Amino acid sequence: MDNDIKKACEIMTQGGVILYPTDTIWGIGCDATNPEAVKRIYEIKHRIDSKAMIVLVDSMAKVDFYVREIPDTAWNLIEVADKPLTIIYPNGRNLAENVLAEDGSIGIRITQENFSKRLCQQFRKAIVSTSANISGQPAPTHFKEISEEIKSAVDYIVTYRQDDNSCAAPSSVIWLGKDGSLKILRP
């Protein structure tokens, strides 16, 4: 695992794109502050860039760095979450513009899974985490389902957990308004 983390960080620091296991499904990732790297992910996925992507971080302190104001509701949601939770916050900041939604919001998940958490800690920046599939196709539930097109388009494929056959599920997604209102987008 240590070698994978070191190599993945090197690749992302150079503006590259990685394929890596997360707390949910396998993801395509890059430095979420690098607009060129984010653009490459849109190209790899054949995805329009008006459809925002989420980012992973390892702590609430990092969320605070990437969001102008955190509604109080977010703290409560994170505290009671019993599975991976992506929260869409208004007013993202300190990220590549093309990773934000058109309204400036950003989806952020604090990962608790061992590999992705250590990767975020070592990289010290938010990491894009979008499903490892071509846009419109089903998201792979484990590594063996990832297409060769995706695998050949990235700069580094993490070896850790490639043999894991457990079926992963995407995170819950909750949208938060500036006033603390919320909408469950995916339970």
C-alpha atoms as a PDB file:
ATOM      1  CA  MET A   1       0.000   0.000   0.000  1.00  0.00           C
ATOM      2  CA  ASP A   2       2.795   2.460   0.842  1.00  0.00           C
ATOM      3  CA  ASN A   3       4.344   2.194  -2.637  1.00  0.00           C
ATOM      4  CA  ASP A   4       0.943   2.729  -4.275  1.00  0.00           C
ATOM      5  CA  ILE A   5       0.320   5.848  -2.177  1.00  0.00           C
ATOM      6  CA  LYS A   6       3.779   7.240  -2.931  1.00  0.00           C
ATOM      7  CA  LYS A   7       3.458   6.619  -6.684  1.00  0.00           C
ATOM      8  CA  ALA A   8      -0.134   7.937  -6.856  1.00  0.00           C
ATOM      9  CA  CYS A   9       0.939  11.150  -5.094  1.00  0.00           C
ATOM     10  CA  GLU A  10       3.869  11.586  -7.486  1.00  0.00           C
ATOM     11  CA  ILE A  11       1.589  11.157 -10.504  1.00  0.00           C
ATOM     12  CA  MET A  12      -1.030  13.609  -9.174  1.00  0.00           C
ATOM     13  CA  THR A  13       1.650  16.159  -8.249  1.00  0.00           C
ATOM     14  CA  GLN A  14       2.796  16.039 -11.893  1.00  0.00           C
ATOM     15  CA  GLY A  15      -0.774  16.654 -13.102  1.00  0.00           C
ATOM     16  CA  GLY A  16      -1.526  13.007 -13.844  1.00  0.00           C
ATOM     17  CA  VAL A  17      -4.663  10.915 -13.423  1.00  0.00           C
ATOM     18  CA  ILE A  18      -4.946   7.781 -11.281  1.00  0.00           C
ATOM     19  CA  LEU A  19      -7.344   4.844 -10.920  1.00  0.00           C
ATOM     20  CA  TYR A  20      -7.785   4.001  -7.242  1.00  0.00           C
ATOM     21  CA  PRO A  21     -10.000   2.281  -4.651  1.00  0.00           C
ATOM     22  CA  THR A  22     -12.086   4.529  -2.428  1.00  0.00           C
ATOM     23  CA  ASP A  23     -14.473   4.098   0.479  1.00  0.00           C
ATOM     24  CA  THR A  24     -17.173   3.310  -2.090  1.00  0.00           C
ATOM     25  CA  ILE A  25     -16.371   2.212  -5.653  1.00  0.00           C
ATOM     26  CA  TRP A  26     -13.160   2.475  -7.690  1.00  0.00           C
ATOM     27  CA  GLY A  27     -12.534   6.029  -8.767  1.00  0.00           C
ATOM     28  CA  ILE A  28     -10.678   8.070 -11.317  1.00  0.00           C
ATOM     29  CA  GLY A  29      -8.767  10.766  -9.487  1.00  0.00           C
ATOM     30  CA  CYS A  30      -6.433  13.712  -9.788  1.00  0.00           C
ATOM     31  CA  ASP A  31      -5.409  16.872  -7.974  1.00  0.00           C
ATOM     32  CA  ALA A  32      -8.725  18.701  -7.547  1.00  0.00           C
ATOM     33  CA  THR A  33      -6.893  22.041  -7.679  1.00  0.00           C
ATOM     34  CA  ASN A  34      -5.378  21.389 -11.125  1.00  0.00           C
ATOM     35  CA  PRO A  35      -7.784  22.432 -13.928  1.00  0.00           C
ATOM     36  CA  GLU A  36      -5.831  20.597 -16.657  1.00  0.00           C
ATOM     37  CA  ALA A  37      -5.888  17.327 -14.716  1.00  0.00           C
ATOM     38  CA  VAL A  38      -9.637  17.750 -14.051  1.00  0.00           C
ATOM     39  CA  LYS A  39     -10.166  18.419 -17.773  1.00  0.00           C
ATOM     40  CA  ARG A  40      -8.435  15.123 -18.589  1.00  0.00           C
ATOM     41  CA  ILE A  41     -10.876  13.236 -16.369  1.00  0.00           C
ATOM     42  CA  TYR A  42     -13.817  14.777 -18.210  1.00  0.00           C
ATOM     43  CA  GLU A  43     -12.201  13.664 -21.467  1.00  0.00           C
ATOM     44  CA  ILE A  44     -11.491  10.128 -20.190  1.00  0.00           C
ATOM     45  CA  LYS A  45     -15.110   9.739 -19.069  1.00  0.00           C
ATOM     46  CA  HIS A  46     -16.543  11.411 -22.219  1.00  0.00           C
ATOM     47  CA  ARG A  47     -18.447  13.604 -19.800  1.00  0.00           C
ATOM     48  CA  ILE A  48     -19.656  17.155 -20.324  1.00  0.00           C
ATOM     49  CA  ASP A  49     -17.838  19.536 -18.031  1.00  0.00           C
ATOM     50  CA  SER A  50     -21.025  21.169 -16.771  1.00  0.00           C
ATOM     51  CA  LYS A  51     -21.660  18.021 -14.712  1.00  0.00           C
ATOM     52  CA  ALA A  52     -19.563  18.535 -11.572  1.00  0.00           C
ATOM     53  CA  MET A  53     -17.444  15.865  -9.899  1.00  0.00           C
ATOM     54  CA  ILE A  54     -16.946  15.181  -6.214  1.00  0.00           C
ATOM     55  CA  VAL A  55     -13.729  15.335  -4.234  1.00  0.00           C
ATOM     56  CA  LEU A  56     -12.369  13.282  -1.351  1.00  0.00           C
ATOM     57  CA  VAL A  57     -10.673  14.692   1.723  1.00  0.00           C
ATOM     58  CA  ASP A  58      -9.514  13.112   4.970  1.00  0.00           C
ATOM     59  CA  SER A  59     -10.866  15.547   7.571  1.00  0.00           C
ATOM     60  CA  MET A  60     -13.428  18.207   8.376  1.00  0.00           C
ATOM     61  CA  ALA A  61     -10.594  20.755   8.518  1.00  0.00           C
ATOM     62  CA  LYS A  62     -10.017  20.163   4.797  1.00  0.00           C
ATOM     63  CA  VAL A  63     -13.739  20.613   4.096  1.00  0.00           C
ATOM     64  CA  ASP A  64     -13.455  23.992   5.814  1.00  0.00           C
ATOM     65  CA  PHE A  65     -10.577  24.915   3.470  1.00  0.00           C
ATOM     66  CA  TYR A  66     -12.601  24.072   0.350  1.00  0.00           C
ATOM     67  CA  VAL A  67     -15.978  25.545   1.365  1.00  0.00           C
ATOM     68  CA  ARG A  68     -16.630  29.235   2.168  1.00  0.00           C
ATOM     69  CA  GLU A  69     -19.298  28.567   4.795  1.00  0.00           C
ATOM     70  CA  ILE A  70     -20.226  25.204   6.231  1.00  0.00           C
ATOM     71  CA  PRO A  71     -23.884  25.069   7.273  1.00  0.00           C
ATOM     72  CA  ASP A  72     -24.291  23.755  10.839  1.00  0.00           C
ATOM     73  CA  THR A  73     -26.413  20.929   9.448  1.00  0.00           C
ATOM     74  CA  ALA A  74     -23.286  19.459   7.810  1.00  0.00           C
ATOM     75  CA  TRP A  75     -21.598  18.836  11.154  1.00  0.00           C
ATOM     76  CA  ASN A  76     -24.633  16.922  12.401  1.00  0.00           C
ATOM     77  CA  LEU A  77     -24.931  14.858   9.214  1.00  0.00           C
ATOM     78  CA  ILE A  78     -21.271  13.852   9.288  1.00  0.00           C
ATOM     79  CA  GLU A  79     -21.486  12.939  12.958  1.00  0.00           C
ATOM     80  CA  VAL A  80     -24.433  10.549  12.478  1.00  0.00           C
ATOM     81  CA  ALA A  81     -23.499   9.084   9.073  1.00  0.00           C
ATOM     82  CA  ASP A  82     -23.094   5.322   9.254  1.00  0.00           C
ATOM     83  CA  LYS A  83     -21.969   4.891   5.624  1.00  0.00           C
ATOM     84  CA  PRO A  84     -20.007   7.028   3.148  1.00  0.00           C
ATOM     85  CA  LEU A  85     -21.701  10.396   2.745  1.00  0.00           C
ATOM     86  CA  THR A  86     -21.131  12.996   0.040  1.00  0.00           C
ATOM     87  CA  ILE A  87     -22.390  16.443   0.939  1.00  0.00           C
ATOM     88  CA  ILE A  88     -22.888  19.067  -1.743  1.00  0.00           C
ATOM     89  CA  TYR A  89     -21.889  22.391  -0.209  1.00  0.00           C
ATOM     90  CA  PRO A  90     -22.647  25.846  -1.593  1.00  0.00           C
ATOM     91  CA  ASN A  91     -19.709  28.081  -2.475  1.00  0.00           C
ATOM     92  CA  GLY A  92     -16.706  25.871  -3.087  1.00  0.00           C
ATOM     93  CA  ARG A  93     -13.294  27.528  -3.046  1.00  0.00           C
ATOM     94  CA  ASN A  94      -9.585  26.770  -3.473  1.00  0.00           C
ATOM     95  CA  LEU A  95     -10.392  24.155  -6.130  1.00  0.00           C
ATOM     96  CA  ALA A  96     -10.121  24.067  -9.910  1.00  0.00           C
ATOM     97  CA  GLU A  97     -13.088  25.977 -11.373  1.00  0.00           C
ATOM     98  CA  ASN A  98     -13.997  23.043 -13.617  1.00  0.00           C
ATOM     99  CA  VAL A  99     -14.487  20.706 -10.665  1.00  0.00           C
ATOM    100  CA  LEU A 100     -17.217  22.971  -9.263  1.00  0.00           C
ATOM    101  CA  ALA A 101     -20.845  22.873 -10.412  1.00  0.00           C
ATOM    102  CA  GLU A 102     -22.112  25.793 -12.489  1.00  0.00           C
ATOM    103  CA  ASP A 103     -23.610  27.348  -9.319  1.00  0.00           C
ATOM    104  CA  GLY A 104     -20.239  27.137  -7.511  1.00  0.00           C
ATOM    105  CA  SER A 105     -21.227  24.202  -5.292  1.00  0.00           C
ATOM    106  CA  ILE A 106     -18.971  21.221  -4.638  1.00  0.00           C
ATOM    107  CA  GLY A 107     -19.586  17.651  -3.504  1.00  0.00           C
ATOM    108  CA  ILE A 108     -17.141  16.575  -0.801  1.00  0.00           C
ATOM    109  CA  ARG A 109     -16.811  13.264   1.018  1.00  0.00           C
ATOM    110  CA  ILE A 110     -14.627  12.662   4.050  1.00  0.00           C
ATOM    111  CA  THR A 111     -13.237   9.198   3.469  1.00  0.00           C
ATOM    112  CA  GLN A 112     -12.726   6.780   6.343  1.00  0.00           C
ATOM    113  CA  GLU A 113     -11.448   3.853   4.231  1.00  0.00           C
ATOM    114  CA  ASN A 114      -7.798   3.067   4.979  1.00  0.00           C
ATOM    115  CA  PHE A 115      -6.225   3.490   1.522  1.00  0.00           C
ATOM    116  CA  SER A 116      -8.096   6.568   0.312  1.00  0.00           C
ATOM    117  CA  LYS A 117      -7.776   8.288   3.703  1.00  0.00           C
ATOM    118  CA  ARG A 118      -4.002   7.750   3.750  1.00  0.00           C
ATOM    119  CA  LEU A 119      -3.790   8.887   0.124  1.00  0.00           C
ATOM    120  CA  CYS A 120      -5.619  12.131   0.989  1.00  0.00           C
ATOM    121  CA  GLN A 121      -3.415  12.667   4.054  1.00  0.00           C
ATOM    122  CA  GLN A 122      -0.219  12.142   2.081  1.00  0.00           C
ATOM    123  CA  PHE A 123      -1.312  14.238  -0.912  1.00  0.00           C
ATOM    124  CA  ARG A 124      -2.520  17.080   1.357  1.00  0.00           C
ATOM    125  CA  LYS A 125      -5.055  18.324  -1.198  1.00  0.00           C
ATOM    126  CA  ALA A 126      -8.538  17.345  -2.261  1.00  0.00           C
ATOM    127  CA  ILE A 127      -8.585  14.470  -4.763  1.00  0.00           C
ATOM    128  CA  VAL A 128     -11.210  14.121  -7.477  1.00  0.00           C
ATOM    129  CA  SER A 129     -13.224  10.942  -7.053  1.00  0.00           C
ATOM    130  CA  THR A 130     -15.500  10.045  -9.929  1.00  0.00           C
ATOM    131  CA  SER A 131     -16.671   6.572 -10.835  1.00  0.00           C
ATOM    132  CA  ALA A 132     -14.323   4.596 -13.075  1.00  0.00           C
ATOM    133  CA  ASN A 133     -16.641   4.366 -16.069  1.00  0.00           C
ATOM    134  CA  ILE A 134     -17.502   6.130 -19.309  1.00  0.00           C
ATOM    135  CA  SER A 135     -20.311   8.613 -18.651  1.00  0.00           C
ATOM    136  CA  GLY A 136     -23.709   6.960 -19.042  1.00  0.00           C
ATOM    137  CA  GLN A 137     -22.411   3.422 -18.504  1.00  0.00           C
ATOM    138  CA  PRO A 138     -22.897   1.500 -15.233  1.00  0.00           C
ATOM    139  CA  ALA A 139     -20.390   2.242 -12.491  1.00  0.00           C
ATOM    140  CA  PRO A 140     -18.142  -0.763 -11.814  1.00  0.00           C
ATOM    141  CA  THR A 141     -18.700  -2.356  -8.406  1.00  0.00           C
ATOM    142  CA  HIS A 142     -15.165  -3.800  -8.299  1.00  0.00           C
ATOM    143  CA  PHE A 143     -11.888  -3.531 -10.215  1.00  0.00           C
ATOM    144  CA  LYS A 144     -12.518  -6.390 -12.679  1.00  0.00           C
ATOM    145  CA  GLU A 145     -15.508  -4.503 -14.116  1.00  0.00           C
ATOM    146  CA  ILE A 146     -13.480  -1.424 -15.113  1.00  0.00           C
ATOM    147  CA  SER A 147     -13.167  -1.144 -18.897  1.00  0.00           C
ATOM    148  CA  GLU A 148      -9.859  -1.351 -20.713  1.00  0.00           C
ATOM    149  CA  GLU A 149     -10.628   2.069 -22.195  1.00  0.00           C
ATOM    150  CA  ILE A 150     -10.546   3.606 -18.707  1.00  0.00           C
ATOM    151  CA  LYS A 151      -7.499   1.599 -17.607  1.00  0.00           C
ATOM    152  CA  SER A 152      -5.473   2.594 -20.669  1.00  0.00           C
ATOM    153  CA  ALA A 153      -6.369   6.292 -20.326  1.00  0.00           C
ATOM    154  CA  VAL A 154      -5.023   6.877 -16.799  1.00  0.00           C
ATOM    155  CA  ASP A 155      -1.392   7.446 -15.814  1.00  0.00           C
ATOM    156  CA  TYR A 156      -1.302   5.077 -12.836  1.00  0.00           C
ATOM    157  CA  ILE A 157      -3.440   2.182 -11.600  1.00  0.00           C
ATOM    158  CA  VAL A 158      -3.238   1.403  -7.896  1.00  0.00           C
ATOM    159  CA  THR A 159      -2.614  -2.307  -7.269  1.00  0.00           C
ATOM    160  CA  TYR A 160      -4.044  -2.319  -3.732  1.00  0.00           C
ATOM    161  CA  ARG A 161      -7.486  -4.036  -3.531  1.00  0.00           C
ATOM    162  CA  GLN A 162      -7.617  -5.073  -7.187  1.00  0.00           C
ATOM    163  CA  ASP A 163      -8.495  -8.624  -6.086  1.00  0.00           C
ATOM    164  CA  ASP A 164     -11.269  -7.486  -3.739  1.00  0.00           C
ATOM    165  CA  ASN A 165     -14.521  -8.955  -5.099  1.00  0.00           C
ATOM    166  CA  SER A 166     -16.881  -7.435  -2.573  1.00  0.00           C
ATOM    167  CA  CYS A 167     -19.513  -5.311  -4.283  1.00  0.00           C
ATOM    168  CA  ALA A 168     -19.164  -1.683  -3.332  1.00  0.00           C
ATOM    169  CA  ALA A 169     -21.976   0.846  -3.412  1.00  0.00           C
ATOM    170  CA  PRO A 170     -21.882   4.568  -4.142  1.00  0.00           C
ATOM    171  CA  SER A 171     -22.184   7.028  -1.273  1.00  0.00           C
ATOM    172  CA  SER A 172     -25.316   8.727  -0.056  1.00  0.00           C
ATOM    173  CA  VAL A 173     -25.565  12.238  -1.494  1.00  0.00           C
ATOM    174  CA  ILE A 174     -27.136  15.176   0.324  1.00  0.00           C
ATOM    175  CA  TRP A 175     -27.390  18.721  -1.009  1.00  0.00           C
ATOM    176  CA  LEU A 176     -27.120  21.517   1.581  1.00  0.00           C
ATOM    177  CA  GLY A 177     -28.404  25.033   1.062  1.00  0.00           C
ATOM    178  CA  LYS A 178     -26.749  28.128   2.515  1.00  0.00           C
ATOM    179  CA  ASP A 179     -29.630  28.365   4.979  1.00  0.00           C
ATOM    180  CA  GLY A 180     -29.070  24.803   6.219  1.00  0.00           C
ATOM    181  CA  SER A 181     -31.910  23.321   4.177  1.00  0.00           C
ATOM    182  CA  LEU A 182     -31.191  19.896   2.752  1.00  0.00           C
ATOM    183  CA  LYS A 183     -32.297  17.600  -0.025  1.00  0.00           C
ATOM    184  CA  ILE A 184     -31.477  13.890  -0.199  1.00  0.00           C
ATOM    185  CA  LEU A 185     -30.308  13.210  -3.760  1.00  0.00           C
ATOM    186  CA  ARG A 186     -29.252   9.581  -3.184  1.00  0.00           C
ATOM    187  CA  PRO A 187     -30.157   7.751   0.049  1.00  0.00           C
END
